[in-house]
Structures are given as C-alpha cells and as structure tokens.
Amino acid sequence: MSTAQPKQVDSTTPLQRFRLFLETIKFEHSIFALPFAIAAAFMVSDGWPDWSSFGWIVLAMVSMRTFGMAANRQIDAEIDARNPRTASRPTATGVVSRFQLSAYMMVAGGAFVIATFQLDSMAWPLAPIPLAVMIGYPYLKRFTWLAHFGMGSVYLIVPPAVAVAMTGTLPAWSIILGFAGMLWVAGFDVLYATADRDVDIEQRLHSIPQRFGIATAVNTTRVLHLSAAVLLFVAGAVFGVGAIYYVGAAAATALLAYENSLVSANDLSRLNMAFFTMNGVIAVVFGALAAADAVVF
C-alpha cells in the first residue's frame, strides 16, 4: 500500500506573492536612498526642483532599488536558503519563484529606463551603469571582503546621477556627496554582516566580520561613518550651502554616533535597531534639512 503523501497545492495568490516580494526586499527601505536623491535634486535646482523631473527622479530611484533587491534575492536564493536568518524568506523557500523574481526585475528595470529617458539626454547612455552595479554587487561576497563597498557604490552613484539627469552636468559637490553616501551605506553593511559571520565562514563567503572578526568590523563601521560625516560637511562647503544644511549634517553626525553606540563587539543585541531604525531616521533628517536649505538659501 502506497504511503506517498498528497502533493500540497500552493494557494498563494499572485497579489499575495507580490506583497511577499515587497516585504522580502524591504521596499519601505527605499527611504535609505531617497533622501540623498531628494537632497541632490533640490541642491542642483538651487531651490524647488521642476516637479515633473523630480517625479521621474523618485520613480527612477525606487525602481532602481527594487530591481537591485530583486536581483540580490535572485542571485542569493541558494545562499539565503542555507542561512537560518534568511531561510524563511519567500524567495529562499520558493514561495516567490525565480520566474516571478525575474518578472519583477524586468518590470522594475523597465520603469527605471522609462524614467531615465524622461530626463536629460546626457543620462540616457549611462542608464545601464546602475543596473549593472545592482546585478554585480551580490557576487562580490563570493570573492572579496570588500563586498560592502560594492553595495556602497550603488549609493555613490545617486547624487551624481541626479545632477546629470536634471542638468546634464556633473558638479564636484555631487561626487563628494555620493562618496559620503557610499561610506555611510558600506559602514552599516559591515555592521549588519556581523549577524552572519558564522554562516559566512561555513559557506566560504567574504566580509569584513568574516575576515577580521567582530571587533574590527565594529571599529571599521565607526571609521567609515566618521568619514561619511566629514564628507557631508565638505560637500556642503564646496556647494556653498547655508546654515540649515550644516544643521542637517551635524544632526546626521550625532545620529551616526548614537547608532554606533548601540552596538559593540560584546553586545550586538540592538543590531536591528541600529541598522533599520536609525538609518531611516538619519536619511530622513539629513535629506529634509538639505532640501530645506536649498529652498531657503
């Protein structure tokens, strides 16, 4: 007599799978990148930006991040399935299939390209670059502990890309602001990677915590965040900002200091608060005050 169990039927609807996808890629964390794009849009406009261009910039940012996170989940599905922290992700279990991930990537990538082509023509031939970076950086942890800077490079692109997309120019301050964003993001990626150190060792994946240990990783994040804070002030000085921008940079610096105080090599219990909550607050505070400065001054 056969003991085979009846095959379970997946009753998840397409809408439910899409919601699971958005939850898996932490769609709400688009807020991390948007303030740098918004600040750059207001600064390059030296006040209120053209709202049509601004809307396309926002769409380009959100769709680019969605494309990148979908690519990340697609590329790392097998790695995530072997990691206890991520094994329950719908993209790791197959509830959201590889085909569906590919479809979401295509839609998001298409939206990014459409948005780019509504902006300055100088941006058109450059559109493949951020998409290529998004696809490339998940592979870096297979080869080098510098992978954190691959993720940071995505944010390095943001302010210069906004400047090119809105004006066809590449001002020095936008590049400096981009490097500030890169160091900020690389710093918190190093910190977050401490949660996966043991798994990375087992899977032969590369990261600063895996290569150098937790204490070095925590100190590396502090150095990167201090450097990012300095570059915020340098970008402001090169642009010639007003007092409100500097208040925003000072607030971001203080909040980064507080974020780093939440964790230590001996206590990572507040890692999620440091990563998720504080980085969202920092991004919003700096972005809002930088934009306000451009309007007032």
Protein backbone atom coordinates (compact mmCIF):
# COMPACT_ATOMS: atom_id res chain seq x y z
CA MET A 1 0.00 0.00 0.00
CA SER A 2 1.44 3.36 -1.01
CA THR A 3 2.42 5.75 1.76
CA ALA A 4 3.08 8.70 -0.54
CA GLN A 5 1.71 11.95 0.76
CA PRO A 6 -0.54 14.02 -1.47
CA LYS A 7 1.25 16.92 -3.10
CA GLN A 8 0.50 20.22 -1.40
CA VAL A 9 -1.02 22.88 -3.59
CA ASP A 10 0.29 26.41 -3.22
CA SER A 11 -2.80 28.54 -2.63
CA THR A 12 -0.89 31.82 -2.50
CA THR A 13 -2.42 34.30 -4.94
CA PRO A 14 -0.31 36.45 -7.29
CA LEU A 15 -1.18 39.54 -5.24
CA GLN A 16 -0.08 37.80 -2.04
CA ARG A 17 3.18 36.75 -3.71
CA PHE A 18 3.78 40.33 -4.82
CA ARG A 19 3.20 41.55 -1.27
CA LEU A 20 5.60 38.89 0.00
CA PHE A 21 8.14 40.08 -2.58
CA LEU A 22 7.82 43.70 -1.39
CA GLU A 23 8.19 42.55 2.20
CA THR A 24 11.22 40.42 1.34
CA ILE A 25 13.07 43.24 -0.42
CA LYS A 26 12.12 45.63 2.40
CA PHE A 27 10.50 48.00 -0.08
CA GLU A 28 9.98 50.54 2.67
CA HIS A 29 13.75 50.83 2.99
CA SER A 30 13.82 52.79 -0.25
CA ILE A 31 13.77 55.61 2.29
CA PHE A 32 17.50 54.98 2.84
CA ALA A 33 18.40 56.14 -0.66
CA LEU A 34 15.64 58.63 -1.46
CA PRO A 35 16.83 61.44 0.86
CA PHE A 36 20.21 61.61 -0.90
CA ALA A 37 18.41 61.80 -4.25
CA ILE A 38 15.95 64.39 -2.93
CA ALA A 39 18.71 66.49 -1.36
CA ALA A 40 20.68 66.38 -4.63
CA ALA A 41 17.58 67.34 -6.66
CA PHE A 42 16.93 70.39 -4.51
CA MET A 43 20.61 71.37 -4.40
CA VAL A 44 21.17 71.05 -8.14
CA SER A 45 18.00 73.11 -8.69
CA ASP A 46 19.17 75.63 -6.07
CA GLY A 47 15.63 75.66 -4.70
CA TRP A 48 12.39 73.96 -5.67
CA PRO A 49 13.03 71.47 -8.49
CA ASP A 50 10.87 71.12 -11.55
CA TRP A 51 8.17 68.78 -10.25
CA SER A 52 7.98 66.69 -13.40
CA SER A 53 11.70 65.99 -13.31
CA PHE A 54 11.53 65.42 -9.57
CA GLY A 55 8.78 62.83 -10.00
CA TRP A 56 10.80 60.95 -12.60
CA ILE A 57 13.84 61.05 -10.30
CA VAL A 58 11.82 59.47 -7.48
CA LEU A 59 10.45 56.80 -9.82
CA ALA A 60 13.96 56.08 -11.12
CA MET A 61 15.32 55.73 -7.57
CA VAL A 62 12.55 53.45 -6.30
CA SER A 63 12.55 51.27 -9.42
CA MET A 64 16.36 51.01 -9.44
CA ARG A 65 16.40 49.86 -5.81
CA THR A 66 13.56 47.39 -6.47
CA PHE A 67 15.48 45.99 -9.44
CA GLY A 68 18.62 45.68 -7.34
CA MET A 69 16.95 43.97 -4.40
CA ALA A 70 15.13 41.55 -6.71
CA ALA A 71 18.46 40.75 -8.37
CA ASN A 72 20.04 40.26 -4.95
CA ARG A 73 17.32 37.84 -3.85
CA GLN A 74 17.52 36.01 -7.18
CA ILE A 75 21.31 35.63 -7.11
CA ASP A 76 21.47 34.75 -3.40
CA ALA A 77 18.42 32.44 -3.19
CA GLU A 78 20.52 29.33 -2.50
CA ILE A 79 22.77 31.15 -0.04
CA ASP A 80 19.74 32.53 1.78
CA ALA A 81 18.21 29.06 1.97
CA ARG A 82 21.29 27.80 3.86
CA ASN A 83 21.29 30.70 6.33
CA PRO A 84 18.99 30.24 9.37
CA ARG A 85 18.39 34.00 9.50
CA THR A 86 17.15 34.18 5.91
CA ALA A 87 15.96 30.64 5.18
CA SER A 88 12.31 31.57 5.71
CA ARG A 89 12.34 34.31 3.08
CA PRO A 90 9.72 33.59 0.41
CA THR A 91 12.44 33.96 -2.22
CA ALA A 92 14.55 31.32 -0.44
CA THR A 93 11.69 28.86 0.12
CA GLY A 94 10.36 29.22 -3.42
CA VAL A 95 7.01 30.73 -2.45
CA VAL A 96 8.13 33.60 -4.67
CA SER A 97 9.67 31.73 -7.59
CA ARG A 98 12.71 32.59 -9.65
CA PHE A 99 10.44 33.22 -12.62
CA GLN A 100 8.40 35.72 -10.59
CA LEU A 101 11.58 37.40 -9.34
CA SER A 102 12.76 37.73 -12.93
CA ALA A 103 9.42 39.26 -13.89
CA TYR A 104 9.62 41.79 -11.05
CA MET A 105 13.19 42.63 -12.11
CA MET A 106 12.11 43.24 -15.69
CA VAL A 107 9.23 45.49 -14.65
CA ALA A 108 11.38 47.48 -12.24
CA GLY A 109 14.24 47.73 -14.74
CA GLY A 110 11.83 48.86 -17.44
CA ALA A 111 10.37 51.53 -15.14
CA PHE A 112 13.90 52.76 -14.40
CA VAL A 113 14.77 53.04 -18.09
CA ILE A 114 11.48 54.81 -18.88
CA ALA A 115 12.06 57.28 -16.05
CA THR A 116 15.64 57.92 -17.20
CA PHE A 117 14.50 58.71 -20.73
CA GLN A 118 12.22 61.46 -19.39
CA LEU A 119 15.26 63.28 -18.03
CA ASP A 120 18.31 64.96 -19.57
CA SER A 121 19.65 63.16 -22.64
CA MET A 122 23.12 63.01 -21.04
CA ALA A 123 21.70 60.40 -18.66
CA TRP A 124 20.39 58.08 -21.37
CA PRO A 125 23.62 56.27 -22.31
CA LEU A 126 24.53 56.00 -18.61
CA ALA A 127 21.33 54.18 -17.61
CA PRO A 128 22.86 50.66 -17.86
CA ILE A 129 25.58 51.52 -15.31
CA PRO A 130 23.47 51.47 -12.12
CA LEU A 131 21.63 48.37 -13.34
CA ALA A 132 24.96 46.61 -13.92
CA VAL A 133 26.19 47.64 -10.46
CA MET A 134 22.98 46.32 -8.93
CA ILE A 135 23.49 42.93 -10.59
CA GLY A 136 27.21 42.82 -9.87
CA TYR A 137 27.49 43.62 -6.19
CA PRO A 138 25.77 40.46 -4.82
CA TYR A 139 28.52 38.38 -6.42
CA LEU A 140 31.34 40.25 -4.66
CA LYS A 141 30.95 38.45 -1.33
CA ARG A 142 31.87 35.26 -3.13
CA PHE A 143 35.33 36.72 -3.89
CA THR A 144 36.31 39.60 -1.61
CA TRP A 145 35.74 41.05 1.86
CA LEU A 146 35.50 44.46 0.17
CA ALA A 147 31.99 43.47 -0.97
CA HIS A 148 30.48 46.07 1.39
CA PHE A 149 31.85 48.80 -0.86
CA GLY A 150 30.10 47.19 -3.81
CA MET A 151 26.82 47.86 -2.06
CA GLY A 152 28.01 51.33 -1.12
CA SER A 153 28.84 52.06 -4.76
CA VAL A 154 25.12 51.97 -5.52
CA TYR A 155 24.70 54.99 -3.27
CA LEU A 156 27.85 56.62 -4.62
CA ILE A 157 26.02 56.85 -7.94
CA VAL A 158 22.90 58.57 -6.60
CA PRO A 159 23.80 62.29 -6.22
CA PRO A 160 25.95 62.47 -9.39
CA ALA A 161 23.24 60.61 -11.33
CA VAL A 162 20.60 63.07 -10.14
CA ALA A 163 22.77 66.01 -11.19
CA VAL A 164 23.39 64.55 -14.64
CA ALA A 165 19.74 63.55 -15.07
CA MET A 166 18.43 67.00 -14.18
CA THR A 167 21.07 69.31 -15.67
CA GLY A 168 23.43 67.27 -17.84
CA THR A 169 26.33 68.39 -15.63
CA LEU A 170 28.47 66.65 -13.02
CA PRO A 171 29.35 69.14 -10.23
CA ALA A 172 32.10 68.28 -7.76
CA TRP A 173 29.82 68.56 -4.72
CA SER A 174 27.58 65.79 -6.08
CA ILE A 175 30.53 63.41 -6.32
CA ILE A 176 31.61 64.23 -2.76
CA LEU A 177 28.05 63.75 -1.51
CA GLY A 178 27.98 60.43 -3.35
CA PHE A 179 31.12 59.28 -1.55
CA ALA A 180 29.52 60.28 1.75
CA GLY A 181 26.54 58.08 0.89
CA MET A 182 28.82 55.22 -0.13
CA LEU A 183 30.77 55.27 3.15
CA TRP A 184 27.58 55.55 5.19
CA VAL A 185 25.99 52.54 3.49
CA ALA A 186 29.20 50.47 3.43
CA GLY A 187 29.54 51.17 7.14
CA PHE A 188 26.14 49.90 8.13
CA ASP A 189 26.51 46.93 5.75
CA VAL A 190 29.70 45.95 7.60
CA LEU A 191 27.81 46.23 10.87
CA TYR A 192 24.88 44.17 9.61
CA ALA A 193 27.22 41.49 8.30
CA THR A 194 28.26 40.71 11.86
CA ALA A 195 24.96 38.83 12.23
CA ASP A 196 26.04 36.36 9.53
CA ARG A 197 29.71 35.93 10.44
CA ASP A 198 29.48 32.26 11.43
CA VAL A 199 27.34 31.38 8.40
CA ASP A 200 29.72 33.26 6.09
CA ILE A 201 32.62 31.22 7.47
CA GLU A 202 30.69 27.99 6.88
CA GLN A 203 29.67 28.99 3.34
CA ARG A 204 33.08 30.49 2.49
CA LEU A 205 31.59 33.88 1.83
CA HIS A 206 33.65 37.01 2.34
CA SER A 207 33.02 40.01 4.57
CA ILE A 208 34.96 42.17 6.97
CA PRO A 209 33.47 40.42 10.03
CA GLN A 210 34.28 37.01 8.49
CA ARG A 211 37.85 38.01 7.61
CA PHE A 212 38.86 40.19 10.55
CA GLY A 213 36.38 39.48 13.34
CA ILE A 214 33.53 41.31 15.07
CA ALA A 215 35.64 43.88 16.94
CA THR A 216 37.42 45.02 13.78
CA ALA A 217 34.10 45.17 11.93
CA VAL A 218 32.53 47.41 14.59
CA ASN A 219 35.56 49.72 14.55
CA THR A 220 35.57 49.76 10.73
CA THR A 221 31.96 50.92 10.73
CA ARG A 222 32.85 53.75 13.10
CA VAL A 223 35.70 54.91 10.86
CA LEU A 224 33.54 54.73 7.74
CA HIS A 225 30.70 56.65 9.40
CA LEU A 226 33.06 59.32 10.71
CA SER A 227 34.48 59.71 7.20
CA ALA A 228 30.97 59.93 5.76
CA ALA A 229 30.09 62.69 8.24
CA VAL A 230 33.18 64.67 7.28
CA LEU A 231 32.31 64.39 3.59
CA LEU A 232 28.79 65.70 4.25
CA PHE A 233 30.35 68.91 5.52
CA VAL A 234 32.89 69.03 2.68
CA ALA A 235 30.14 68.61 0.06
CA GLY A 236 28.23 71.47 1.69
CA ALA A 237 31.27 73.74 1.68
CA VAL A 238 32.02 73.00 -1.98
CA PHE A 239 28.42 73.73 -2.94
CA GLY A 240 28.20 76.84 -0.74
CA VAL A 241 25.23 75.81 1.38
CA GLY A 242 23.51 77.74 4.15
CA ALA A 243 23.11 77.10 7.85
CA ILE A 244 20.20 74.66 7.58
CA TYR A 245 22.29 72.18 5.60
CA TYR A 246 25.00 72.28 8.25
CA VAL A 247 22.39 71.65 10.93
CA GLY A 248 21.32 68.60 8.94
CA ALA A 249 24.92 67.40 8.58
CA ALA A 250 25.52 67.93 12.30
CA ALA A 251 22.32 66.07 13.16
CA ALA A 252 23.32 63.19 10.87
CA THR A 253 26.73 63.08 12.54
CA ALA A 254 25.19 62.96 16.02
CA LEU A 255 22.74 60.26 14.98
CA LEU A 256 25.52 58.21 13.39
CA ALA A 257 27.44 58.46 16.64
CA TYR A 258 24.38 57.28 18.54
CA GLU A 259 23.82 54.43 16.07
CA ASN A 260 27.37 53.22 16.63
CA SER A 261 26.94 53.45 20.40
CA LEU A 262 24.10 50.92 20.23
CA VAL A 263 26.42 48.04 19.40
CA SER A 264 29.79 46.77 20.49
CA ALA A 265 31.91 43.71 19.85
CA ASN A 266 30.47 42.19 23.02
CA ASP A 267 26.84 43.23 22.54
CA LEU A 268 25.05 43.05 19.19
CA SER A 269 21.58 42.69 20.70
CA ARG A 270 20.46 46.06 19.36
CA LEU A 271 21.79 45.47 15.86
CA ASN A 272 18.37 45.65 14.20
CA MET A 273 17.61 48.95 15.88
CA ALA A 274 20.96 50.34 14.74
CA PHE A 275 20.50 49.10 11.18
CA PHE A 276 16.83 49.60 10.41
CA THR A 277 15.51 52.34 12.69
CA MET A 278 18.48 54.67 12.98
CA ASN A 279 19.49 54.63 9.32
CA GLY A 280 15.97 55.56 8.29
CA VAL A 281 15.94 58.44 10.77
CA ILE A 282 19.38 59.66 9.65
CA ALA A 283 18.42 59.61 5.98
CA VAL A 284 15.17 61.50 6.51
CA VAL A 285 16.66 64.14 8.80
CA PHE A 286 19.59 64.91 6.54
CA GLY A 287 17.58 64.81 3.31
CA ALA A 288 14.84 67.07 4.65
CA LEU A 289 17.20 69.69 6.06
CA ALA A 290 19.46 69.69 2.97
CA ALA A 291 16.39 70.23 0.76
CA ALA A 292 15.07 72.95 3.07
CA ASP A 293 18.41 74.73 2.92
CA ALA A 294 18.33 74.80 -0.88
CA VAL A 295 14.88 76.42 -0.78
CA VAL A 296 15.69 79.00 1.92
CA PHE A 297 19.19 79.96 0.82
